[in-house]
């Protein structure tokens, strides 16, 4: 062991028990906690039920404890004429409140509407091959049926549910990289996210295609060598997409809390969205706000928020979003013929069966709370929550400013950070009811209170 401790190298860490891992880390971690307190703190977040803890431990590798996030709910969320209570897992204090406020606002104005534009998932087999591309294309066209027949047993169960492989095509990438080709496949995976299914099919297709090329009398013998580089699903699924929207008469947007005329509010709101369509700096923050909502639902239901975000950001950067390959806002606004319309289109591959959705007990609770949705219904719920969050954020930005509401919600976090007592917390909440919240203002308030007492 070095004198620094944290630089100690260890072999076989994964083979240690959970407690042994913690004890090793406690003696090799620098910081404010003593080794004893370090162990005590990590153990305090273990689930009291051993069976539940075993489930959480097996989600990942080298697990030593649990990292808690708040689990909140947006009630009375009207979507396609049906009320939902939407679970959200997020640590940002103002998000659930903002979504709840937007839900209440739109509940009396027709609620949110959503529709599925498509559900195609994507997979690719990337391979290297040197030869006459026209001969390879001809071979692929004659062998496509054979490839589909070969994987039929593997997709039997998915086909029975209405899904399976939809299409196969050969893509020539050799102009970009010598000898580079791919088989591009599309799938329908019903209520499953489908990653394992897609990857299994792709790997089987890759081996079969390699064998076909190796034995193809149609090709010169020198062109029968094919090297599979990788077979993997793509998280870019622009044709697995959902549209969410709200609309109402212009006069229905009136409100005493706007601090301006309805006309000025609509003008500023529309301009704010337009800025996000034109400026990448604003677009990034604008879309991050949308994902404050979407990610929270995706997490609550045990889905992969990294995949959902990666896909949507790629979508926001391409012509699929009608933007000429410049990153821009996922949401859009129009004011025409006395109507205000606000909408977004976002690709989203989620599932409601299999994977973590079937293993995490809270994911099951979330899906039950939502009434056992299909994957398509979950897409519509998550996208609509994203739109609600975006509406609430823009409304705040162009009226009172984002910090007023955000810092009000953040007050408890600041008080916790400053180790305020329960009495000080109650005094602070009352004091800041009509004042701007900031770290310095709260620090000054507590200092005066403590000095006085």
Foldseek 3Di string as FASTA:
>chain_A
DDPQLLPDDDPPLQVDDLLVNLLSVLRRDDDDDHSVVSSVVQVVQQDPDPVQSVLVPVVDTSDNGDDDFDKDWQFQQAEPNDTATAIFTDRQQCQSVLLNVLSVLCNVFPGKYKDWQAAKWKKKWKKFFDDDVVLVQVLCVVCVVVLCVQCCVLCVVQVVVVKFWDDWHKADPCVVPNRIIMIMTIIHRWQALCFVSQQVSQVSSVVVSLVCLCPPPSDDNVGSHMGTPGIGTALQDLRRKMKMKGKGFLVSVDDPQQQDGSVVLLVQLQVLQVCQLPDVVSVVVLQVLLCSQLVRRCVQQQHDSVSQVVNFQVCQQDCSCVRHRHRGHQKHWDQPPRMTMIMGMGRGRTHCDDDVNVRNPSSVVSCVSRVNDGNRVSNHVSNNSSRSSSVSQSSCCNGVRNQQSSLLSCVVVLCVVVVHDPVLSVVVNVVCPPHGHDNVVSVVSVVVVVVVD
